[in-house]
Amino acid sequence: MKHRDAHAPLVARPSWFFGSGATRAERALACLAGAVGVCFLFWHTRNLDWPWWKYAVAVTLVFDLAGGVVANGLDAAKRFYHGPLPLPPTRLNRFLHHEVGFAAAHLQPVVIGLLFGGPWWWGPLWYGWALTGVVLVSRARRYLARPVGLFAVLAGVLVAPSLPAPAGFAWLPAVLLLKLVLAHAVPETPLRPGSPTITPCHHQAQ
C-alpha cells in the first residue's frame, strides 16, 4: 500500500483559505496557527462571563485570522491570489481574488467591536488601517512592497497597545495586519514542493 507524501501537493479544488495545491504539511501548519490563536483567545478571556454564542463567534473569527496569517503566506496561496483566477470569473470571485477586495471582505474587527464592546471607533480604525496597508502595498513598486507592508504592520503593532480595545482583543490588530498586509498583499515568487531552492547571492570582493 502506497503512503502519500505529506509534502506532495493535494489534488483538490482551489481553496480561498489554502490556495492552489496546498500540501498536507502546509494545511496542518495553517490549522495549527488557528488553534494557537483560539487558545490565546481563551487565555485572555478566561475571566470574562461571556454567553456561549459570543465564544462561538469569537472562536470562528479568531481561527480564521490566526490561521490566515500562515495560510495566506503559503506558496499555495501566493499561486492562487497572485496568479490568474483559478475559479469561474464571477463578479464575486474576481472581487475576492483581488488583493484589496480580499482585504475589504475581512470585517472581523468591525464585528468584534460591535459585539464585544470597547470604543465605537476600534473596529473601523483597524479595518481601515489594514485596508490602507493593503492598498499601499498593492501600489508600491515591487521591490518596495515588502518594506511598505512591514512598516504598516510595525506601526499598527506599536500603536495598538496604547489604545482601548474590546476586552480580550487588544492583541487582535497585530494578527489582522499580519494576515492581510504582510502575508496576503505582499507578492512573492511561489515555489512548488520539490522545486529547487534559491541559493543566496554572494557579493564579489570589490
N, C-alpha and C. Protein backbone atom coordinates (compact mmCIF):
# COMPACT_ATOMS: atom_id res chain seq x y z
N MET A 1 0.84 -1.20 0.00
CA MET A 1 0.00 0.00 0.00
C MET A 1 0.88 1.25 0.00
N LYS A 2 0.62 2.18 -0.90
CA LYS A 2 1.44 3.38 -1.00
C LYS A 2 0.99 4.42 0.01
N HIS A 3 1.97 5.09 0.59
CA HIS A 3 1.69 6.15 1.54
C HIS A 3 1.90 7.49 0.85
N ARG A 4 0.97 8.39 1.07
CA ARG A 4 1.06 9.71 0.44
C ARG A 4 2.09 10.56 1.16
N ASP A 5 2.94 11.21 0.37
CA ASP A 5 3.94 12.11 0.91
C ASP A 5 3.24 13.35 1.46
N ALA A 6 3.54 13.68 2.73
CA ALA A 6 2.90 14.84 3.35
C ALA A 6 3.27 16.13 2.66
N HIS A 7 4.38 16.11 1.90
CA HIS A 7 4.84 17.33 1.23
C HIS A 7 4.39 17.39 -0.22
N ALA A 8 3.65 16.38 -0.68
CA ALA A 8 3.18 16.37 -2.06
C ALA A 8 1.91 17.22 -2.16
N PRO A 9 1.75 17.95 -3.26
CA PRO A 9 0.55 18.78 -3.41
C PRO A 9 -0.71 17.93 -3.40
N LEU A 10 -1.77 18.45 -2.77
CA LEU A 10 -3.05 17.78 -2.78
C LEU A 10 -3.78 18.13 -4.08
N VAL A 11 -4.36 17.13 -4.71
CA VAL A 11 -5.16 17.38 -5.91
C VAL A 11 -6.57 17.69 -5.44
N ALA A 12 -6.92 18.95 -5.37
CA ALA A 12 -8.21 19.36 -4.86
C ALA A 12 -8.59 20.69 -5.48
N ARG A 13 -9.86 21.04 -5.33
CA ARG A 13 -10.34 22.32 -5.82
C ARG A 13 -9.60 23.44 -5.11
N PRO A 14 -9.21 24.49 -5.85
CA PRO A 14 -8.54 25.62 -5.20
C PRO A 14 -9.38 26.16 -4.05
N SER A 15 -8.72 26.57 -2.99
CA SER A 15 -9.38 26.98 -1.76
C SER A 15 -9.09 28.44 -1.47
N TRP A 16 -10.11 29.19 -1.03
CA TRP A 16 -9.90 30.57 -0.62
C TRP A 16 -9.03 30.65 0.61
N PHE A 17 -8.98 29.59 1.40
CA PHE A 17 -8.19 29.61 2.62
C PHE A 17 -6.77 29.10 2.39
N PHE A 18 -6.63 28.00 1.64
CA PHE A 18 -5.32 27.38 1.47
C PHE A 18 -4.66 27.67 0.13
N GLY A 19 -5.40 28.15 -0.84
CA GLY A 19 -4.82 28.43 -2.14
C GLY A 19 -4.88 27.24 -3.08
N SER A 20 -3.91 27.18 -3.99
CA SER A 20 -3.89 26.14 -5.03
C SER A 20 -2.79 25.12 -4.75
N GLY A 21 -3.19 23.87 -4.56
CA GLY A 21 -2.22 22.80 -4.41
C GLY A 21 -1.49 22.78 -3.08
N ALA A 22 -2.16 23.15 -2.00
CA ALA A 22 -1.51 23.12 -0.68
C ALA A 22 -1.20 21.69 -0.27
N THR A 23 -0.06 21.48 0.35
CA THR A 23 0.31 20.16 0.83
C THR A 23 -0.32 19.91 2.19
N ARG A 24 -0.26 18.65 2.62
CA ARG A 24 -0.77 18.32 3.96
C ARG A 24 -0.01 19.09 5.04
N ALA A 25 1.28 19.23 4.86
CA ALA A 25 2.09 19.95 5.85
C ALA A 25 1.67 21.41 5.92
N GLU A 26 1.43 22.02 4.76
CA GLU A 26 1.01 23.43 4.73
C GLU A 26 -0.35 23.60 5.41
N ARG A 27 -1.28 22.72 5.10
CA ARG A 27 -2.60 22.81 5.71
C ARG A 27 -2.53 22.59 7.21
N ALA A 28 -1.71 21.66 7.62
CA ALA A 28 -1.59 21.38 9.05
C ALA A 28 -1.02 22.58 9.80
N LEU A 29 -0.03 23.24 9.22
CA LEU A 29 0.56 24.42 9.87
C LEU A 29 -0.46 25.55 9.99
N ALA A 30 -1.24 25.77 8.95
CA ALA A 30 -2.25 26.82 9.00
C ALA A 30 -3.31 26.51 10.06
N CYS A 31 -3.76 25.27 10.11
CA CYS A 31 -4.76 24.89 11.13
C CYS A 31 -4.17 24.99 12.53
N LEU A 32 -2.90 24.62 12.68
CA LEU A 32 -2.25 24.73 13.98
C LEU A 32 -2.18 26.19 14.42
N ALA A 33 -1.87 27.09 13.49
CA ALA A 33 -1.83 28.51 13.82
C ALA A 33 -3.20 29.00 14.27
N GLY A 34 -4.25 28.55 13.60
CA GLY A 34 -5.60 28.91 14.01
C GLY A 34 -5.92 28.39 15.41
N ALA A 35 -5.50 27.16 15.71
CA ALA A 35 -5.75 26.59 17.03
C ALA A 35 -4.98 27.34 18.11
N VAL A 36 -3.75 27.75 17.81
CA VAL A 36 -2.97 28.54 18.77
C VAL A 36 -3.67 29.87 19.04
N GLY A 37 -4.20 30.50 17.99
CA GLY A 37 -4.92 31.75 18.17
C GLY A 37 -6.14 31.57 19.07
N VAL A 38 -6.87 30.47 18.90
CA VAL A 38 -8.04 30.20 19.73
C VAL A 38 -7.63 29.98 21.19
N CYS A 39 -6.54 29.26 21.40
CA CYS A 39 -6.04 29.06 22.76
C CYS A 39 -5.67 30.40 23.40
N PHE A 40 -5.05 31.26 22.62
CA PHE A 40 -4.68 32.59 23.11
C PHE A 40 -5.93 33.38 23.46
N LEU A 41 -6.98 33.25 22.65
CA LEU A 41 -8.25 33.92 22.93
C LEU A 41 -8.83 33.46 24.26
N PHE A 42 -8.86 32.14 24.48
CA PHE A 42 -9.40 31.61 25.73
C PHE A 42 -8.59 32.10 26.94
N TRP A 43 -7.29 32.19 26.78
CA TRP A 43 -6.45 32.67 27.88
C TRP A 43 -6.79 34.11 28.25
N HIS A 44 -6.99 34.95 27.25
CA HIS A 44 -7.25 36.36 27.50
C HIS A 44 -8.69 36.65 27.90
N THR A 45 -9.57 35.68 27.71
CA THR A 45 -10.97 35.90 28.10
C THR A 45 -11.40 34.96 29.22
N ARG A 46 -10.43 34.36 29.90
CA ARG A 46 -10.76 33.37 30.92
C ARG A 46 -11.56 33.95 32.09
N ASN A 47 -11.45 35.24 32.34
CA ASN A 47 -12.16 35.87 33.45
C ASN A 47 -13.42 36.62 33.01
N LEU A 48 -13.78 36.47 31.75
CA LEU A 48 -14.97 37.15 31.23
C LEU A 48 -16.16 36.20 31.22
N ASP A 49 -17.30 36.71 31.58
CA ASP A 49 -18.51 35.89 31.64
C ASP A 49 -19.32 36.06 30.36
N TRP A 50 -18.83 35.43 29.29
CA TRP A 50 -19.50 35.51 28.00
C TRP A 50 -20.56 34.42 27.88
N PRO A 51 -21.65 34.70 27.16
CA PRO A 51 -22.58 33.62 26.80
C PRO A 51 -21.94 32.74 25.73
N TRP A 52 -22.49 31.56 25.54
CA TRP A 52 -21.88 30.58 24.63
C TRP A 52 -21.77 31.12 23.21
N TRP A 53 -22.76 31.92 22.77
CA TRP A 53 -22.73 32.37 21.38
C TRP A 53 -21.60 33.35 21.12
N LYS A 54 -21.22 34.11 22.16
CA LYS A 54 -20.08 35.01 21.98
C LYS A 54 -18.80 34.21 21.81
N TYR A 55 -18.66 33.14 22.58
CA TYR A 55 -17.48 32.29 22.40
C TYR A 55 -17.47 31.67 21.00
N ALA A 56 -18.65 31.24 20.52
CA ALA A 56 -18.71 30.62 19.19
C ALA A 56 -18.29 31.62 18.12
N VAL A 57 -18.79 32.86 18.21
CA VAL A 57 -18.43 33.89 17.23
C VAL A 57 -16.95 34.21 17.33
N ALA A 58 -16.45 34.40 18.55
CA ALA A 58 -15.04 34.76 18.74
C ALA A 58 -14.12 33.68 18.23
N VAL A 59 -14.42 32.42 18.51
CA VAL A 59 -13.57 31.32 18.05
C VAL A 59 -13.54 31.27 16.53
N THR A 60 -14.68 31.45 15.88
CA THR A 60 -14.74 31.41 14.42
C THR A 60 -13.89 32.53 13.80
N LEU A 61 -14.04 33.73 14.34
CA LEU A 61 -13.30 34.87 13.78
C LEU A 61 -11.81 34.76 14.04
N VAL A 62 -11.44 34.35 15.25
CA VAL A 62 -10.01 34.27 15.60
C VAL A 62 -9.33 33.14 14.85
N PHE A 63 -10.00 32.00 14.70
CA PHE A 63 -9.39 30.88 13.97
C PHE A 63 -9.09 31.30 12.53
N ASP A 64 -10.02 32.03 11.92
CA ASP A 64 -9.80 32.48 10.55
C ASP A 64 -8.63 33.45 10.47
N LEU A 65 -8.56 34.41 11.40
CA LEU A 65 -7.49 35.40 11.34
C LEU A 65 -6.13 34.80 11.67
N ALA A 66 -6.05 34.06 12.77
CA ALA A 66 -4.76 33.48 13.18
C ALA A 66 -4.29 32.42 12.18
N GLY A 67 -5.20 31.55 11.77
CA GLY A 67 -4.82 30.55 10.77
C GLY A 67 -4.46 31.19 9.44
N GLY A 68 -5.12 32.33 9.13
CA GLY A 68 -4.85 33.01 7.88
C GLY A 68 -3.49 33.66 7.81
N VAL A 69 -2.89 33.96 8.96
CA VAL A 69 -1.53 34.52 8.95
C VAL A 69 -0.59 33.53 8.27
N VAL A 70 -0.73 32.25 8.59
CA VAL A 70 0.11 31.22 7.96
C VAL A 70 -0.44 30.85 6.60
N ALA A 71 -1.75 30.66 6.51
CA ALA A 71 -2.34 30.19 5.24
C ALA A 71 -2.08 31.18 4.10
N ASN A 72 -2.20 32.48 4.37
CA ASN A 72 -2.01 33.46 3.31
C ASN A 72 -0.55 33.61 2.90
N GLY A 73 0.36 33.15 3.76
CA GLY A 73 1.77 33.20 3.43
C GLY A 73 2.27 31.96 2.72
N LEU A 74 1.40 30.96 2.54
CA LEU A 74 1.82 29.73 1.86
C LEU A 74 2.09 30.00 0.39
N ASP A 75 3.03 29.27 -0.17
CA ASP A 75 3.27 29.36 -1.61
C ASP A 75 2.00 29.00 -2.37
N ALA A 76 1.20 28.06 -1.82
CA ALA A 76 -0.06 27.69 -2.47
C ALA A 76 -1.00 28.89 -2.55
N ALA A 77 -1.03 29.71 -1.50
CA ALA A 77 -1.88 30.90 -1.50
C ALA A 77 -1.33 31.96 -2.45
N LYS A 78 0.00 32.08 -2.53
CA LYS A 78 0.60 33.04 -3.46
C LYS A 78 0.25 32.67 -4.90
N ARG A 79 0.27 31.37 -5.22
CA ARG A 79 -0.11 30.94 -6.57
C ARG A 79 -1.57 31.29 -6.84
N PHE A 80 -2.41 31.15 -5.84
CA PHE A 80 -3.84 31.37 -6.00
C PHE A 80 -4.16 32.86 -6.16
N TYR A 81 -3.65 33.67 -5.25
CA TYR A 81 -4.05 35.08 -5.20
C TYR A 81 -3.22 36.00 -6.09
N HIS A 82 -1.99 35.62 -6.40
CA HIS A 82 -1.14 36.48 -7.20
C HIS A 82 -0.92 35.92 -8.60
N GLY A 83 -1.77 35.01 -8.99
CA GLY A 83 -1.74 34.46 -10.33
C GLY A 83 -3.11 34.58 -10.96
N PRO A 84 -3.33 33.96 -12.12
CA PRO A 84 -4.65 34.00 -12.76
C PRO A 84 -5.71 33.36 -11.86
N LEU A 85 -6.92 33.88 -11.91
CA LEU A 85 -8.03 33.35 -11.12
C LEU A 85 -8.31 31.91 -11.53
N PRO A 86 -8.16 30.93 -10.60
CA PRO A 86 -8.36 29.54 -10.96
C PRO A 86 -9.80 29.06 -10.77
N LEU A 87 -10.73 29.99 -10.65
CA LEU A 87 -12.15 29.68 -10.45
C LEU A 87 -12.96 30.39 -11.52
N PRO A 88 -14.23 30.04 -11.67
CA PRO A 88 -15.07 30.75 -12.65
C PRO A 88 -15.03 32.26 -12.40
N PRO A 89 -14.87 33.07 -13.45
CA PRO A 89 -14.68 34.51 -13.27
C PRO A 89 -15.98 35.26 -12.97
N THR A 90 -16.67 34.84 -11.90
CA THR A 90 -17.86 35.58 -11.50
C THR A 90 -17.45 36.90 -10.86
N ARG A 91 -18.41 37.80 -10.69
CA ARG A 91 -18.09 39.10 -10.09
C ARG A 91 -17.56 38.93 -8.68
N LEU A 92 -18.18 38.03 -7.90
CA LEU A 92 -17.73 37.80 -6.53
C LEU A 92 -16.34 37.20 -6.49
N ASN A 93 -16.08 36.20 -7.35
CA ASN A 93 -14.76 35.58 -7.37
C ASN A 93 -13.67 36.57 -7.76
N ARG A 94 -13.95 37.43 -8.74
CA ARG A 94 -12.97 38.43 -9.14
C ARG A 94 -12.71 39.43 -8.01
N PHE A 95 -13.76 39.79 -7.29
CA PHE A 95 -13.62 40.73 -6.17
C PHE A 95 -12.75 40.13 -5.07
N LEU A 96 -13.04 38.90 -4.67
CA LEU A 96 -12.29 38.26 -3.59
C LEU A 96 -10.87 37.90 -4.01
N HIS A 97 -10.65 37.71 -5.31
CA HIS A 97 -9.32 37.34 -5.79
C HIS A 97 -8.39 38.55 -5.83
N HIS A 98 -8.96 39.75 -5.89
CA HIS A 98 -8.16 40.97 -5.88
C HIS A 98 -7.65 41.22 -4.47
N GLU A 99 -6.38 41.67 -4.35
CA GLU A 99 -5.80 41.82 -3.01
C GLU A 99 -6.57 42.81 -2.15
N VAL A 100 -7.06 43.90 -2.75
CA VAL A 100 -7.81 44.88 -1.98
C VAL A 100 -9.22 44.37 -1.68
N GLY A 101 -9.84 43.71 -2.64
CA GLY A 101 -11.16 43.14 -2.42
C GLY A 101 -11.14 42.09 -1.32
N PHE A 102 -10.12 41.24 -1.33
CA PHE A 102 -9.97 40.22 -0.29
C PHE A 102 -9.89 40.87 1.09
N ALA A 103 -9.08 41.92 1.20
CA ALA A 103 -8.95 42.60 2.49
C ALA A 103 -10.25 43.28 2.89
N ALA A 104 -10.95 43.87 1.93
CA ALA A 104 -12.19 44.57 2.23
C ALA A 104 -13.26 43.62 2.76
N ALA A 105 -13.17 42.35 2.41
CA ALA A 105 -14.16 41.38 2.88
C ALA A 105 -13.93 40.97 4.33
N HIS A 106 -12.81 41.35 4.91
CA HIS A 106 -12.49 40.96 6.28
C HIS A 106 -13.02 42.00 7.27
N LEU A 107 -14.27 41.82 7.64
CA LEU A 107 -14.95 42.74 8.55
C LEU A 107 -14.83 42.32 10.01
N GLN A 108 -13.94 41.38 10.30
CA GLN A 108 -13.83 40.87 11.67
C GLN A 108 -13.66 41.95 12.73
N PRO A 109 -12.77 42.95 12.55
CA PRO A 109 -12.63 43.94 13.62
C PRO A 109 -13.90 44.75 13.84
N VAL A 110 -14.65 45.02 12.79
CA VAL A 110 -15.90 45.74 12.94
C VAL A 110 -16.92 44.89 13.69
N VAL A 111 -17.02 43.62 13.33
CA VAL A 111 -17.94 42.71 14.01
C VAL A 111 -17.57 42.58 15.49
N ILE A 112 -16.29 42.42 15.76
CA ILE A 112 -15.84 42.28 17.15
C ILE A 112 -16.14 43.55 17.94
N GLY A 113 -15.89 44.70 17.33
CA GLY A 113 -16.18 45.95 18.02
C GLY A 113 -17.65 46.11 18.34
N LEU A 114 -18.54 45.65 17.45
CA LEU A 114 -19.98 45.76 17.67
C LEU A 114 -20.49 44.79 18.72
N LEU A 115 -19.93 43.58 18.75
CA LEU A 115 -20.46 42.53 19.62
C LEU A 115 -19.79 42.45 20.99
N PHE A 116 -18.55 42.92 21.08
CA PHE A 116 -17.79 42.68 22.31
C PHE A 116 -17.42 43.96 23.06
N GLY A 117 -18.03 45.06 22.71
CA GLY A 117 -17.81 46.29 23.46
C GLY A 117 -16.55 47.01 23.01
N GLY A 118 -16.09 47.92 23.88
CA GLY A 118 -14.95 48.75 23.51
C GLY A 118 -15.42 50.02 22.83
N PRO A 119 -14.51 50.94 22.52
CA PRO A 119 -14.89 52.20 21.86
C PRO A 119 -15.46 51.93 20.47
N TRP A 120 -16.40 52.77 20.05
CA TRP A 120 -17.08 52.56 18.77
C TRP A 120 -16.12 52.60 17.59
N TRP A 121 -15.01 53.33 17.74
CA TRP A 121 -14.11 53.53 16.61
C TRP A 121 -13.06 52.43 16.46
N TRP A 122 -13.00 51.51 17.43
CA TRP A 122 -11.93 50.49 17.41
C TRP A 122 -12.01 49.63 16.16
N GLY A 123 -13.18 49.08 15.86
CA GLY A 123 -13.33 48.23 14.68
C GLY A 123 -13.06 48.96 13.39
N PRO A 124 -13.71 50.13 13.14
CA PRO A 124 -13.42 50.87 11.90
C PRO A 124 -11.96 51.29 11.78
N LEU A 125 -11.33 51.64 12.92
CA LEU A 125 -9.92 52.06 12.85
C LEU A 125 -9.05 50.95 12.30
N TRP A 126 -9.15 49.75 12.86
CA TRP A 126 -8.25 48.68 12.44
C TRP A 126 -8.65 48.06 11.11
N TYR A 127 -9.93 48.12 10.80
CA TYR A 127 -10.36 47.71 9.45
C TYR A 127 -9.76 48.66 8.41
N GLY A 128 -9.87 49.96 8.68
CA GLY A 128 -9.31 50.94 7.75
C GLY A 128 -7.79 50.87 7.69
N TRP A 129 -7.15 50.61 8.84
CA TRP A 129 -5.68 50.51 8.86
C TRP A 129 -5.22 49.36 7.97
N ALA A 130 -5.86 48.20 8.14
CA ALA A 130 -5.47 47.04 7.34
C ALA A 130 -5.73 47.29 5.86
N LEU A 131 -6.89 47.88 5.54
CA LEU A 131 -7.22 48.13 4.14
C LEU A 131 -6.25 49.14 3.53
N THR A 132 -5.91 50.17 4.28
CA THR A 132 -4.94 51.16 3.79
C THR A 132 -3.58 50.52 3.55
N GLY A 133 -3.15 49.66 4.47
CA GLY A 133 -1.88 48.97 4.29
C GLY A 133 -1.85 48.12 3.04
N VAL A 134 -2.95 47.42 2.77
CA VAL A 134 -3.03 46.59 1.57
C VAL A 134 -2.98 47.45 0.31
N VAL A 135 -3.70 48.57 0.32
CA VAL A 135 -3.69 49.46 -0.84
C VAL A 135 -2.28 50.01 -1.09
N LEU A 136 -1.59 50.41 -0.01
CA LEU A 136 -0.23 50.94 -0.17
C LEU A 136 0.72 49.88 -0.72
N VAL A 137 0.60 48.65 -0.24
CA VAL A 137 1.44 47.57 -0.74
C VAL A 137 1.15 47.30 -2.21
N SER A 138 -0.13 47.29 -2.58
CA SER A 138 -0.50 46.97 -3.96
C SER A 138 -0.05 48.05 -4.94
N ARG A 139 0.11 49.28 -4.46
CA ARG A 139 0.51 50.38 -5.35
C ARG A 139 2.00 50.67 -5.29
N ALA A 140 2.69 50.06 -4.35
CA ALA A 140 4.13 50.29 -4.24
C ALA A 140 4.87 49.56 -5.37
N ARG A 141 6.05 50.05 -5.70
CA ARG A 141 6.90 49.31 -6.63
C ARG A 141 7.22 47.96 -6.03
N ARG A 142 7.44 47.00 -6.91
CA ARG A 142 7.59 45.61 -6.45
C ARG A 142 8.67 45.47 -5.37
N TYR A 143 9.80 46.15 -5.54
CA TYR A 143 10.89 46.00 -4.58
C TYR A 143 10.60 46.70 -3.26
N LEU A 144 9.58 47.56 -3.24
CA LEU A 144 9.21 48.25 -2.01
C LEU A 144 7.99 47.64 -1.33
N ALA A 145 7.36 46.65 -1.96
CA ALA A 145 6.11 46.10 -1.42
C ALA A 145 6.30 45.52 -0.02
N ARG A 146 7.32 44.70 0.16
CA ARG A 146 7.54 44.11 1.48
C ARG A 146 7.91 45.15 2.53
N PRO A 147 8.85 46.09 2.26
CA PRO A 147 9.14 47.13 3.26
C PRO A 147 7.91 47.96 3.61
N VAL A 148 7.09 48.30 2.62
CA VAL A 148 5.87 49.06 2.92
C VAL A 148 4.94 48.25 3.81
N GLY A 149 4.79 46.97 3.51
CA GLY A 149 3.95 46.11 4.34
C GLY A 149 4.49 45.98 5.75
N LEU A 150 5.78 45.81 5.88
CA LEU A 150 6.39 45.71 7.21
C LEU A 150 6.19 47.00 8.00
N PHE A 151 6.32 48.14 7.33
CA PHE A 151 6.13 49.42 8.00
C PHE A 151 4.69 49.56 8.51
N ALA A 152 3.71 49.19 7.68
CA ALA A 152 2.30 49.28 8.08
C ALA A 152 2.00 48.38 9.27
N VAL A 153 2.57 47.17 9.26
CA VAL A 153 2.35 46.25 10.38
C VAL A 153 3.06 46.75 11.63
N LEU A 154 4.29 47.19 11.49
CA LEU A 154 5.05 47.69 12.63
C LEU A 154 4.33 48.86 13.30
N ALA A 155 3.86 49.82 12.50
CA ALA A 155 3.17 50.97 13.05
C ALA A 155 1.92 50.54 13.82
N GLY A 156 1.18 49.59 13.27
CA GLY A 156 -0.01 49.10 13.95
C GLY A 156 0.32 48.39 15.25
N VAL A 157 1.36 47.57 15.24
CA VAL A 157 1.76 46.84 16.45
C VAL A 157 2.20 47.80 17.54
N LEU A 158 2.84 48.91 17.16
CA LEU A 158 3.29 49.89 18.14
C LEU A 158 2.13 50.70 18.71
N VAL A 159 1.14 50.99 17.88
CA VAL A 159 0.02 51.83 18.30
C VAL A 159 -1.02 51.05 19.11
N ALA A 160 -1.30 49.82 18.71
CA ALA A 160 -2.41 49.06 19.28
C ALA A 160 -2.40 48.97 20.81
N PRO A 161 -1.25 48.67 21.46
CA PRO A 161 -1.29 48.51 22.93
C PRO A 161 -1.67 49.78 23.69
N SER A 162 -1.52 50.94 23.07
CA SER A 162 -1.82 52.19 23.77
C SER A 162 -3.27 52.63 23.60
N LEU A 163 -4.06 51.87 22.84
CA LEU A 163 -5.45 52.25 22.60
C LEU A 163 -6.40 51.31 23.33
N PRO A 164 -7.53 51.83 23.81
CA PRO A 164 -8.53 50.95 24.42
C PRO A 164 -9.10 50.01 23.37
N ALA A 165 -9.49 48.81 23.81
CA ALA A 165 -9.97 47.78 22.89
C ALA A 165 -11.04 46.96 23.58
N PRO A 166 -11.84 46.21 22.82
CA PRO A 166 -12.79 45.28 23.44
C PRO A 166 -12.05 44.30 24.36
N ALA A 167 -12.64 43.99 25.48
CA ALA A 167 -11.99 43.10 26.46
C ALA A 167 -11.59 41.78 25.82
N GLY A 168 -10.30 41.44 25.96
CA GLY A 168 -9.78 40.19 25.42
C GLY A 168 -9.26 40.27 24.01
N PHE A 169 -9.35 41.45 23.36
CA PHE A 169 -8.98 41.54 21.94
C PHE A 169 -7.92 42.60 21.66
N ALA A 170 -7.20 43.07 22.65
CA ALA A 170 -6.20 44.10 22.40
C ALA A 170 -5.10 43.62 21.46
N TRP A 171 -4.89 42.33 21.38
CA TRP A 171 -3.83 41.74 20.57
C TRP A 171 -4.26 41.52 19.11
N LEU A 172 -5.56 41.63 18.84
CA LEU A 172 -6.07 41.23 17.53
C LEU A 172 -5.57 42.10 16.37
N PRO A 173 -5.40 43.43 16.53
CA PRO A 173 -4.91 44.21 15.38
C PRO A 173 -3.61 43.69 14.80
N ALA A 174 -2.69 43.23 15.64
CA ALA A 174 -1.43 42.71 15.12
C ALA A 174 -1.67 41.49 14.23
N VAL A 175 -2.57 40.61 14.64
CA VAL A 175 -2.87 39.41 13.86
C VAL A 175 -3.55 39.79 12.55
N LEU A 176 -4.48 40.73 12.62
CA LEU A 176 -5.17 41.19 11.42
C LEU A 176 -4.20 41.76 10.40
N LEU A 177 -3.28 42.61 10.85
CA LEU A 177 -2.33 43.23 9.93
C LEU A 177 -1.34 42.23 9.38
N LEU A 178 -0.90 41.28 10.20
CA LEU A 178 -0.01 40.24 9.71
C LEU A 178 -0.66 39.44 8.61
N LYS A 179 -1.95 39.11 8.80
CA LYS A 179 -2.64 38.29 7.81
C LYS A 179 -2.86 39.04 6.50
N LEU A 180 -3.44 40.23 6.58
CA LEU A 180 -3.87 40.92 5.36
C LEU A 180 -2.77 41.69 4.67
N VAL A 181 -1.96 42.41 5.45
CA VAL A 181 -0.96 43.29 4.83
C VAL A 181 0.30 42.52 4.47
N LEU A 182 0.83 41.77 5.40
CA LEU A 182 2.13 41.13 5.17
C LEU A 182 2.00 39.78 4.49
N ALA A 183 1.14 38.90 5.03
CA ALA A 183 1.04 37.56 4.47
C ALA A 183 0.31 37.55 3.13
N HIS A 184 -0.76 38.35 3.02
CA HIS A 184 -1.58 38.28 1.80
C HIS A 184 -1.13 39.23 0.71
N ALA A 185 -0.99 40.51 1.04
CA ALA A 185 -0.83 41.52 0.00
C ALA A 185 0.56 41.53 -0.64
N VAL A 186 1.58 41.18 0.12
CA VAL A 186 2.94 41.24 -0.42
C VAL A 186 3.14 40.12 -1.44
N PRO A 187 3.44 40.45 -2.69
CA PRO A 187 3.64 39.41 -3.71
C PRO A 187 5.01 38.76 -3.56
N GLU A 188 5.04 37.48 -3.77
CA GLU A 188 6.31 36.75 -3.73
C GLU A 188 6.31 35.72 -4.84
N THR A 189 7.47 35.17 -5.13
CA THR A 189 7.57 34.11 -6.12
C THR A 189 7.26 32.78 -5.46
N PRO A 190 6.12 32.16 -5.77
CA PRO A 190 5.76 30.91 -5.10
C PRO A 190 6.55 29.73 -5.63
N LEU A 191 6.88 28.81 -4.76
CA LEU A 191 7.59 27.60 -5.13
C LEU A 191 6.65 26.41 -4.98
N ARG A 192 6.92 25.35 -5.70
CA ARG A 192 6.18 24.11 -5.54
C ARG A 192 7.04 23.11 -4.78
N PRO A 193 6.41 22.20 -4.02
CA PRO A 193 7.18 21.21 -3.28
C PRO A 193 8.11 20.44 -4.21
N GLY A 194 9.37 20.32 -3.81
CA GLY A 194 10.35 19.59 -4.59
C GLY A 194 11.08 20.44 -5.60
N SER A 195 10.67 21.72 -5.75
CA SER A 195 11.37 22.58 -6.69
C SER A 195 12.71 23.01 -6.11
N PRO A 196 13.68 23.35 -6.95
CA PRO A 196 14.99 23.76 -6.43
C PRO A 196 14.87 25.00 -5.55
N THR A 197 15.59 25.02 -4.47
CA THR A 197 15.60 26.19 -3.59
C THR A 197 16.48 27.27 -4.19
N ILE A 198 16.23 28.50 -3.78
CA ILE A 198 17.01 29.63 -4.28
C ILE A 198 18.24 29.80 -3.41
N THR A 199 19.38 29.79 -4.02
CA THR A 199 20.62 29.94 -3.26
C THR A 199 20.93 31.40 -3.05
N PRO A 200 21.48 31.77 -1.90
CA PRO A 200 21.77 33.16 -1.64
C PRO A 200 22.86 33.68 -2.56
N CYS A 201 22.78 34.96 -2.86
CA CYS A 201 23.78 35.59 -3.71
C CYS A 201 24.96 36.05 -2.84
N HIS A 202 26.15 35.87 -3.31
CA HIS A 202 27.34 36.32 -2.60
C HIS A 202 27.96 37.47 -3.38
N HIS A 203 28.22 38.55 -2.69
CA HIS A 203 28.83 39.70 -3.35
C HIS A 203 30.29 39.43 -3.64
N GLN A 204 30.68 39.82 -4.82
CA GLN A 204 32.08 39.67 -5.18
C GLN A 204 32.91 40.70 -4.45
N ALA A 205 34.11 40.33 -4.18
CA ALA A 205 35.02 41.25 -3.49
C ALA A 205 35.29 42.46 -4.38
N GLN A 206 35.23 43.63 -3.78
CA GLN A 206 35.48 44.87 -4.52
C GLN A 206 36.96 45.03 -4.78
